[in-house]
Amino acid sequence: MKRYIKIFLCVSVLVLIFNFIPKFANAQADPGEDPDAPIDGGISLLVAAGVGYGVKKARDNRKARLNNSKKD
């Protein structure tokens, strides 16, 4: 139980630190209008790579499960 409390406190402190870093780092202010940045190219490639990786992991998991059941 003490371990979970320690992890919770560490995560809470990190979230607070990362939440206040932009205020102290003099980050740029909000431009006020929508810059209409395209998100098609990079995001779609990342989604496709994630789906492909998930399919590969599912196939590998199924093959491992079938091999284990044949050995028994």
N, C-alpha and C. Protein backbone atom coordinates (compact mmCIF):
# COMPACT_ATOMS: atom_id res chain seq x y z
N MET A 1 0.82 -1.19 0.00
CA MET A 1 0.00 0.00 0.00
C MET A 1 0.86 1.25 0.00
N LYS A 2 1.96 1.22 0.75
CA LYS A 2 2.84 2.38 0.78
C LYS A 2 3.45 2.64 -0.59
N ARG A 3 3.68 1.55 -1.33
CA ARG A 3 4.26 1.70 -2.67
C ARG A 3 3.31 2.47 -3.58
N TYR A 4 2.02 2.15 -3.52
CA TYR A 4 1.04 2.84 -4.35
C TYR A 4 0.91 4.31 -3.98
N ILE A 5 0.98 4.59 -2.71
CA ILE A 5 0.92 5.98 -2.27
C ILE A 5 2.14 6.75 -2.77
N LYS A 6 3.30 6.12 -2.70
CA LYS A 6 4.53 6.76 -3.17
C LYS A 6 4.46 7.02 -4.68
N ILE A 7 3.97 6.05 -5.43
CA ILE A 7 3.84 6.23 -6.89
C ILE A 7 2.83 7.32 -7.19
N PHE A 8 1.70 7.31 -6.47
CA PHE A 8 0.68 8.34 -6.69
C PHE A 8 1.22 9.73 -6.41
N LEU A 9 1.97 9.88 -5.34
CA LEU A 9 2.54 11.19 -5.01
C LEU A 9 3.55 11.63 -6.06
N CYS A 10 4.39 10.72 -6.52
CA CYS A 10 5.38 11.07 -7.56
C CYS A 10 4.69 11.50 -8.84
N VAL A 11 3.68 10.77 -9.26
CA VAL A 11 2.96 11.13 -10.48
C VAL A 11 2.25 12.47 -10.31
N SER A 12 1.67 12.69 -9.15
CA SER A 12 0.99 13.97 -8.90
C SER A 12 1.95 15.14 -8.96
N VAL A 13 3.12 14.98 -8.36
CA VAL A 13 4.12 16.05 -8.39
C VAL A 13 4.59 16.30 -9.82
N LEU A 14 4.81 15.23 -10.59
CA LEU A 14 5.24 15.41 -11.97
C LEU A 14 4.18 16.12 -12.81
N VAL A 15 2.92 15.77 -12.60
CA VAL A 15 1.84 16.43 -13.35
C VAL A 15 1.79 17.92 -13.00
N LEU A 16 1.93 18.23 -11.74
CA LEU A 16 1.92 19.65 -11.35
C LEU A 16 3.11 20.39 -11.92
N ILE A 17 4.27 19.77 -11.90
CA ILE A 17 5.47 20.43 -12.43
C ILE A 17 5.31 20.69 -13.92
N PHE A 18 4.87 19.66 -14.68
CA PHE A 18 4.72 19.84 -16.12
C PHE A 18 3.57 20.77 -16.48
N ASN A 19 2.65 20.93 -15.58
CA ASN A 19 1.54 21.85 -15.81
C ASN A 19 1.99 23.30 -15.67
N PHE A 20 2.92 23.58 -14.79
CA PHE A 20 3.35 24.95 -14.54
C PHE A 20 4.61 25.35 -15.31
N ILE A 21 5.28 24.43 -16.00
CA ILE A 21 6.49 24.77 -16.75
C ILE A 21 6.24 25.86 -17.79
N PRO A 22 5.16 25.80 -18.59
CA PRO A 22 4.96 26.86 -19.59
C PRO A 22 4.81 28.26 -18.98
N LYS A 23 4.26 28.35 -17.78
CA LYS A 23 4.09 29.66 -17.15
C LYS A 23 5.43 30.28 -16.77
N PHE A 24 6.37 29.43 -16.36
CA PHE A 24 7.68 29.93 -15.94
C PHE A 24 8.67 30.02 -17.10
N ALA A 25 8.39 29.35 -18.20
CA ALA A 25 9.31 29.33 -19.33
C ALA A 25 9.02 30.44 -20.33
N ASN A 26 8.07 31.31 -20.04
CA ASN A 26 7.69 32.40 -20.94
C ASN A 26 7.32 31.88 -22.32
N ALA A 27 6.43 30.92 -22.34
CA ALA A 27 5.97 30.34 -23.60
C ALA A 27 5.19 31.38 -24.40
N GLN A 28 5.05 31.12 -25.69
CA GLN A 28 4.32 32.04 -26.55
C GLN A 28 2.86 32.09 -26.14
N ALA A 29 2.29 33.23 -26.31
CA ALA A 29 0.87 33.41 -26.00
C ALA A 29 0.02 32.81 -27.11
N ASP A 30 -1.24 32.59 -26.83
CA ASP A 30 -2.18 32.06 -27.81
C ASP A 30 -2.35 33.10 -28.92
N PRO A 31 -2.25 32.71 -30.21
CA PRO A 31 -2.37 33.68 -31.29
C PRO A 31 -3.76 34.29 -31.41
N GLY A 32 -4.77 33.67 -30.81
CA GLY A 32 -6.09 34.27 -30.82
C GLY A 32 -6.98 33.80 -31.94
N GLU A 33 -6.44 33.29 -33.01
CA GLU A 33 -7.26 32.80 -34.10
C GLU A 33 -6.79 31.40 -34.47
N ASP A 34 -7.61 30.67 -35.17
CA ASP A 34 -7.29 29.31 -35.57
C ASP A 34 -6.30 29.35 -36.72
N PRO A 35 -5.11 28.77 -36.55
CA PRO A 35 -4.11 28.84 -37.61
C PRO A 35 -4.39 27.89 -38.78
N ASP A 36 -5.42 27.04 -38.68
CA ASP A 36 -5.80 26.10 -39.74
C ASP A 36 -4.62 25.24 -40.18
N ALA A 37 -3.96 24.62 -39.24
CA ALA A 37 -2.83 23.75 -39.54
C ALA A 37 -3.34 22.39 -40.00
N PRO A 38 -2.82 21.89 -41.13
CA PRO A 38 -3.27 20.57 -41.60
C PRO A 38 -2.70 19.46 -40.70
N ILE A 39 -3.53 18.48 -40.39
CA ILE A 39 -3.06 17.38 -39.54
C ILE A 39 -3.17 16.05 -40.28
N ASP A 40 -3.35 16.08 -41.60
CA ASP A 40 -3.61 14.86 -42.33
C ASP A 40 -2.37 13.99 -42.50
N GLY A 41 -1.25 14.54 -42.90
CA GLY A 41 -0.10 13.74 -43.28
C GLY A 41 0.50 12.91 -42.16
N GLY A 42 0.97 13.55 -41.13
CA GLY A 42 1.68 12.84 -40.07
C GLY A 42 0.77 11.99 -39.21
N ILE A 43 -0.39 12.50 -38.87
CA ILE A 43 -1.31 11.77 -37.99
C ILE A 43 -1.78 10.49 -38.67
N SER A 44 -2.13 10.57 -39.94
CA SER A 44 -2.63 9.37 -40.62
C SER A 44 -1.55 8.30 -40.72
N LEU A 45 -0.29 8.70 -40.90
CA LEU A 45 0.79 7.72 -40.93
C LEU A 45 0.99 7.08 -39.57
N LEU A 46 0.90 7.87 -38.51
CA LEU A 46 1.04 7.30 -37.17
C LEU A 46 -0.10 6.34 -36.84
N VAL A 47 -1.32 6.68 -37.24
CA VAL A 47 -2.45 5.79 -37.00
C VAL A 47 -2.29 4.49 -37.77
N ALA A 48 -1.87 4.58 -39.03
CA ALA A 48 -1.66 3.38 -39.84
C ALA A 48 -0.56 2.50 -39.25
N ALA A 49 0.51 3.10 -38.77
CA ALA A 49 1.59 2.33 -38.16
C ALA A 49 1.11 1.67 -36.88
N GLY A 50 0.32 2.36 -36.09
CA GLY A 50 -0.22 1.78 -34.86
C GLY A 50 -1.15 0.62 -35.13
N VAL A 51 -2.00 0.74 -36.15
CA VAL A 51 -2.90 -0.36 -36.50
C VAL A 51 -2.09 -1.56 -36.99
N GLY A 52 -1.09 -1.31 -37.81
CA GLY A 52 -0.24 -2.41 -38.30
C GLY A 52 0.49 -3.11 -37.18
N TYR A 53 1.00 -2.35 -36.24
CA TYR A 53 1.70 -2.93 -35.10
C TYR A 53 0.75 -3.75 -34.23
N GLY A 54 -0.46 -3.26 -34.04
CA GLY A 54 -1.45 -3.99 -33.26
C GLY A 54 -1.84 -5.31 -33.92
N VAL A 55 -2.00 -5.29 -35.24
CA VAL A 55 -2.32 -6.52 -35.97
C VAL A 55 -1.18 -7.52 -35.85
N LYS A 56 0.05 -7.07 -35.97
CA LYS A 56 1.21 -7.96 -35.84
C LYS A 56 1.27 -8.59 -34.45
N LYS A 57 1.06 -7.77 -33.42
CA LYS A 57 1.10 -8.29 -32.06
C LYS A 57 -0.02 -9.30 -31.82
N ALA A 58 -1.21 -9.05 -32.38
CA ALA A 58 -2.33 -9.98 -32.23
C ALA A 58 -2.03 -11.31 -32.92
N ARG A 59 -1.45 -11.26 -34.11
CA ARG A 59 -1.08 -12.49 -34.81
C ARG A 59 -0.01 -13.27 -34.06
N ASP A 60 1.00 -12.56 -33.57
CA ASP A 60 2.06 -13.23 -32.81
C ASP A 60 1.50 -13.87 -31.55
N ASN A 61 0.58 -13.18 -30.89
CA ASN A 61 -0.03 -13.71 -29.68
C ASN A 61 -0.84 -14.96 -29.99
N ARG A 62 -1.60 -14.94 -31.09
CA ARG A 62 -2.41 -16.09 -31.47
C ARG A 62 -1.52 -17.27 -31.84
N LYS A 63 -0.43 -17.04 -32.58
CA LYS A 63 0.49 -18.12 -32.93
C LYS A 63 1.12 -18.73 -31.69
N ALA A 64 1.52 -17.90 -30.74
CA ALA A 64 2.14 -18.39 -29.50
C ALA A 64 1.13 -19.22 -28.71
N ARG A 65 -0.12 -18.78 -28.66
CA ARG A 65 -1.15 -19.51 -27.94
C ARG A 65 -1.43 -20.86 -28.60
N LEU A 66 -1.46 -20.91 -29.94
CA LEU A 66 -1.68 -22.16 -30.64
C LEU A 66 -0.51 -23.12 -30.45
N ASN A 67 0.72 -22.61 -30.48
CA ASN A 67 1.88 -23.45 -30.26
C ASN A 67 1.91 -24.01 -28.85
N ASN A 68 1.52 -23.22 -27.87
CA ASN A 68 1.47 -23.70 -26.48
C ASN A 68 0.40 -24.77 -26.30
N SER A 69 -0.73 -24.63 -26.97
CA SER A 69 -1.79 -25.62 -26.81
C SER A 69 -1.44 -26.93 -27.52
N LYS A 70 -0.67 -26.88 -28.61
CA LYS A 70 -0.26 -28.10 -29.31
C LYS A 70 0.79 -28.86 -28.50
N LYS A 71 1.62 -28.15 -27.76
CA LYS A 71 2.66 -28.80 -26.95
C LYS A 71 2.05 -29.55 -25.77
N ASP A 72 0.95 -29.05 -25.25
CA ASP A 72 0.33 -29.68 -24.06
C ASP A 72 -0.38 -30.91 -24.44
